[in-house]
C-alpha atoms as a PDB file:
ATOM      1  CA  MET A   1       5.983   2.652  68.276  1.00  0.00           C
ATOM      2  CA  ARG A   2       4.696   4.670  71.009  1.00  0.00           C
ATOM      3  CA  ALA A   3       6.180   5.904  74.154  1.00  0.00           C
ATOM      4  CA  HIS A   4       5.891   3.619  77.542  1.00  0.00           C
ATOM      5  CA  ASN A   5       3.494   4.922  80.213  1.00  0.00           C
ATOM      6  CA  PHE A   6       5.838   7.196  81.816  1.00  0.00           C
ATOM      7  CA  SER A   7       5.211   8.674  85.622  1.00  0.00           C
ATOM      8  CA  VAL A   8       4.520  12.484  86.060  1.00  0.00           C
ATOM      9  CA  LYS A   9       7.845  13.193  87.210  1.00  0.00           C
ATOM     10  CA  ASP A  10       9.243  11.262  83.766  1.00  0.00           C
ATOM     11  CA  LYS A  11       6.996  12.766  81.436  1.00  0.00           C
ATOM     12  CA  LEU A  12       8.427  16.562  82.919  1.00  0.00           C
ATOM     13  CA  TRP A  13      12.222  15.515  82.078  1.00  0.00           C
ATOM     14  CA  VAL A  14      11.414  14.250  78.842  1.00  0.00           C
ATOM     15  CA  LYS A  15       9.620  17.276  78.316  1.00  0.00           C
ATOM     16  CA  SER A  16      12.325  19.873  79.393  1.00  0.00           C
ATOM     17  CA  ALA A  17      14.838  17.339  76.985  1.00  0.00           C
ATOM     18  CA  VAL A  18      12.816  18.132  74.482  1.00  0.00           C
ATOM     19  CA  GLY A  19      12.854  21.807  75.154  1.00  0.00           C
ATOM     20  CA  ALA A  20      16.561  21.905  75.667  1.00  0.00           C
ATOM     21  CA  VAL A  21      16.916  19.914  72.266  1.00  0.00           C
ATOM     22  CA  ALA A  22      14.743  21.850  70.386  1.00  0.00           C
ATOM     23  CA  GLY A  23      16.316  24.954  71.993  1.00  0.00           C
ATOM     24  CA  ALA A  24      20.506  23.714  71.324  1.00  0.00           C
ATOM     25  CA  ILE A  25      19.044  23.077  67.538  1.00  0.00           C
ATOM     26  CA  CYS A  26      17.121  26.237  67.017  1.00  0.00           C
ATOM     27  CA  GLY A  27      20.185  28.423  68.564  1.00  0.00           C
ATOM     28  CA  PHE A  28      22.529  26.400  66.393  1.00  0.00           C
ATOM     29  CA  PHE A  29      21.200  26.585  63.079  1.00  0.00           C
ATOM     30  CA  GLY A  30      18.506  29.887  63.689  1.00  0.00           C
ATOM     31  CA  GLY A  31      15.804  27.715  63.435  1.00  0.00           C
ATOM     32  CA  GLY A  32      14.672  24.485  62.757  1.00  0.00           C
ATOM     33  CA  GLY A  33      13.833  22.753  66.421  1.00  0.00           C
ATOM     34  CA  GLY A  34      10.186  21.957  65.045  1.00  0.00           C
ATOM     35  CA  MET A  35      11.627  19.128  63.184  1.00  0.00           C
ATOM     36  CA  VAL A  36      13.447  17.311  66.683  1.00  0.00           C
ATOM     37  CA  VAL A  37      10.193  18.773  68.313  1.00  0.00           C
ATOM     38  CA  VAL A  38       7.117  16.762  66.685  1.00  0.00           C
ATOM     39  CA  PRO A  39       8.804  13.712  65.909  1.00  0.00           C
ATOM     40  CA  LEU A  40       9.905  13.857  70.039  1.00  0.00           C
ATOM     41  CA  LEU A  41       6.629  14.980  70.380  1.00  0.00           C
ATOM     42  CA  ILE A  42       4.574  11.705  69.029  1.00  0.00           C
ATOM     43  CA  TYR A  43       7.303   9.266  69.621  1.00  0.00           C
ATOM     44  CA  ALA A  44       8.513   9.998  73.399  1.00  0.00           C
ATOM     45  CA  LEU A  45       5.210  11.445  74.805  1.00  0.00           C
ATOM     46  CA  SER A  46       2.439   9.810  72.847  1.00  0.00           C
ATOM     47  CA  TYR A  47       1.035  13.463  70.897  1.00  0.00           C
ATOM     48  CA  ASP A  48      -1.182  13.012  68.178  1.00  0.00           C
ATOM     49  CA  GLY A  49       0.292  14.528  64.958  1.00  0.00           C
ATOM     50  CA  LYS A  50      -2.167  17.415  65.130  1.00  0.00           C
ATOM     51  CA  SER A  51      -1.208  18.121  69.088  1.00  0.00           C
ATOM     52  CA  ALA A  52       2.097  17.797  68.587  1.00  0.00           C
ATOM     53  CA  HIS A  53       2.582  20.432  65.634  1.00  0.00           C
ATOM     54  CA  ALA A  54       0.949  22.927  67.562  1.00  0.00           C
ATOM     55  CA  THR A  55       2.544  21.954  70.486  1.00  0.00           C
ATOM     56  CA  ALA A  56       5.917  22.272  68.449  1.00  0.00           C
ATOM     57  CA  ILE A  57       5.042  25.886  67.288  1.00  0.00           C
ATOM     58  CA  ALA A  58       3.969  27.106  70.784  1.00  0.00           C
ATOM     59  CA  VAL A  59       7.701  25.325  71.923  1.00  0.00           C
ATOM     60  CA  ILE A  60       9.491  26.902  69.194  1.00  0.00           C
ATOM     61  CA  LEU A  61       8.657  30.897  69.393  1.00  0.00           C
ATOM     62  CA  PRO A  62       9.803  31.978  72.272  1.00  0.00           C
ATOM     63  CA  VAL A  63      13.155  29.948  71.435  1.00  0.00           C
ATOM     64  CA  ALA A  64      13.188  31.542  67.946  1.00  0.00           C
ATOM     65  CA  LEU A  65      12.617  34.666  69.744  1.00  0.00           C
ATOM     66  CA  PHE A  66      15.756  34.329  72.204  1.00  0.00           C
ATOM     67  CA  ALA A  67      17.569  32.600  69.609  1.00  0.00           C
ATOM     68  CA  ALA A  68      16.731  35.675  67.043  1.00  0.00           C
ATOM     69  CA  ALA A  69      17.802  38.188  69.409  1.00  0.00           C
ATOM     70  CA  ALA A  70      20.984  36.993  70.183  1.00  0.00           C
ATOM     71  CA  LEU A  71      21.679  36.757  66.192  1.00  0.00           C
ATOM     72  CA  LEU A  72      20.568  40.098  65.867  1.00  0.00           C
ATOM     73  CA  MET A  73      23.110  41.378  68.826  1.00  0.00           C
ATOM     74  CA  LYS A  74      25.452  40.142  66.661  1.00  0.00           C
ATOM     75  CA  ALA A  75      24.673  40.933  63.079  1.00  0.00           C
ATOM     76  CA  LEU A  76      21.979  43.216  62.373  1.00  0.00           C
ATOM     77  CA  PRO A  77      20.448  43.134  59.549  1.00  0.00           C
ATOM     78  CA  ASP A  78      21.335  45.222  56.043  1.00  0.00           C
ATOM     79  CA  ASP A  79      18.145  47.650  57.434  1.00  0.00           C
ATOM     80  CA  ILE A  80      15.191  48.273  59.170  1.00  0.00           C
ATOM     81  CA  ILE A  81      13.011  47.368  56.433  1.00  0.00           C
ATOM     82  CA  SER A  82      13.908  43.714  56.015  1.00  0.00           C
ATOM     83  CA  LEU A  83      13.263  43.389  59.157  1.00  0.00           C
ATOM     84  CA  ILE A  84      10.077  44.717  59.155  1.00  0.00           C
ATOM     85  CA  VAL A  85       9.371  42.450  56.016  1.00  0.00           C
ATOM     86  CA  ILE A  86      10.341  39.469  57.505  1.00  0.00           C
ATOM     87  CA  THR A  87       8.358  39.484  60.546  1.00  0.00           C
ATOM     88  CA  SER A  88       5.558  40.428  58.429  1.00  0.00           C
ATOM     89  CA  SER A  89       5.960  37.647  56.077  1.00  0.00           C
ATOM     90  CA  VAL A  90       6.690  35.643  59.097  1.00  0.00           C
ATOM     91  CA  THR A  91       3.307  36.272  61.284  1.00  0.00           C
ATOM     92  CA  VAL A  92       0.949  36.170  57.727  1.00  0.00           C
ATOM     93  CA  GLY A  93       2.430  33.009  56.743  1.00  0.00           C
ATOM     94  CA  GLY A  94       2.201  31.573  60.599  1.00  0.00           C
ATOM     95  CA  ALA A  95      -1.487  32.772  60.526  1.00  0.00           C
ATOM     96  CA  ILE A  96      -2.262  31.045  57.175  1.00  0.00           C
ATOM     97  CA  GLY A  97      -0.251  27.613  58.283  1.00  0.00           C
ATOM     98  CA  SER A  98      -2.163  27.857  61.842  1.00  0.00           C
ATOM     99  CA  PHE A  99      -5.157  27.834  59.952  1.00  0.00           C
ATOM    100  CA  LEU A 100      -4.627  25.188  57.263  1.00  0.00           C
ATOM    101  CA  LEU A 101      -3.120  22.944  60.170  1.00  0.00           C
ATOM    102  CA  LYS A 102      -6.817  23.447  62.295  1.00  0.00           C
ATOM    103  CA  VAL A 103      -8.774  22.019  58.961  1.00  0.00           C
ATOM    104  CA  SER A 104      -5.945  19.370  57.321  1.00  0.00           C
ATOM    105  CA  PRO A 105      -6.400  15.643  58.493  1.00  0.00           C
ATOM    106  CA  PRO A 106      -4.124  14.542  60.681  1.00  0.00           C
ATOM    107  CA  LYS A 107      -2.638  12.471  57.627  1.00  0.00           C
ATOM    108  CA  VAL A 108      -2.408  15.190  55.126  1.00  0.00           C
ATOM    109  CA  VAL A 109      -0.754  17.100  58.095  1.00  0.00           C
ATOM    110  CA  GLY A 110       1.679  14.113  58.608  1.00  0.00           C
ATOM    111  CA  TYR A 111       2.464  13.663  54.541  1.00  0.00           C
ATOM    112  CA  ILE A 112       3.178  16.898  54.329  1.00  0.00           C
ATOM    113  CA  PHE A 113       5.596  17.313  57.117  1.00  0.00           C
ATOM    114  CA  ALA A 114       7.454  14.004  56.675  1.00  0.00           C
ATOM    115  CA  VAL A 115       7.564  15.368  52.156  1.00  0.00           C
ATOM    116  CA  LEU A 116       8.799  18.730  53.132  1.00  0.00           C
ATOM    117  CA  THR A 117      12.050  17.231  56.081  1.00  0.00           C
ATOM    118  CA  CYS A 118      12.984  14.818  53.697  1.00  0.00           C
ATOM    119  CA  THR A 119      13.384  17.622  51.023  1.00  0.00           C
ATOM    120  CA  ALA A 120      14.902  19.750  52.946  1.00  0.00           C
ATOM    121  CA  GLY A 121      17.287  17.139  54.388  1.00  0.00           C
ATOM    122  CA  LEU A 122      17.957  15.982  50.947  1.00  0.00           C
ATOM    123  CA  LYS A 123      18.496  19.774  49.853  1.00  0.00           C
ATOM    124  CA  MET A 124      21.215  20.226  52.615  1.00  0.00           C
ATOM    125  CA  LEU A 125      23.059  16.533  51.713  1.00  0.00           C
ATOM    126  CA  LEU A 126      22.826  17.322  48.182  1.00  0.00           C
ATOM    127  CA  PHE A 127      23.389  20.986  47.527  1.00  0.00           C
END
């Protein structure tokens, strides 16, 4: 089901709502806002799959950085080495993921996203 034709003003309001929901989820869970942003961009704003994933990455980055800064103020990692390893892993993983998004067919991206989302949900429910 695709979105209705919104006016420009309505789209700005919907985009703001999508960002607010993603920010709240990312802040509450420490990540995972993309699992909400991608379907909202596809179904509420009629983005194609690849554009929705790329936009979600752009939306989540500043939100994740802000959430990480807020969480780090309350609980610092065990040591600076942990922070360096985590940061470098995310950077390398993000570069690999963005390359794979660019070269993968849209249907494959959708299937991978659906499998990962369902797997994460089942893990949370069962384990």
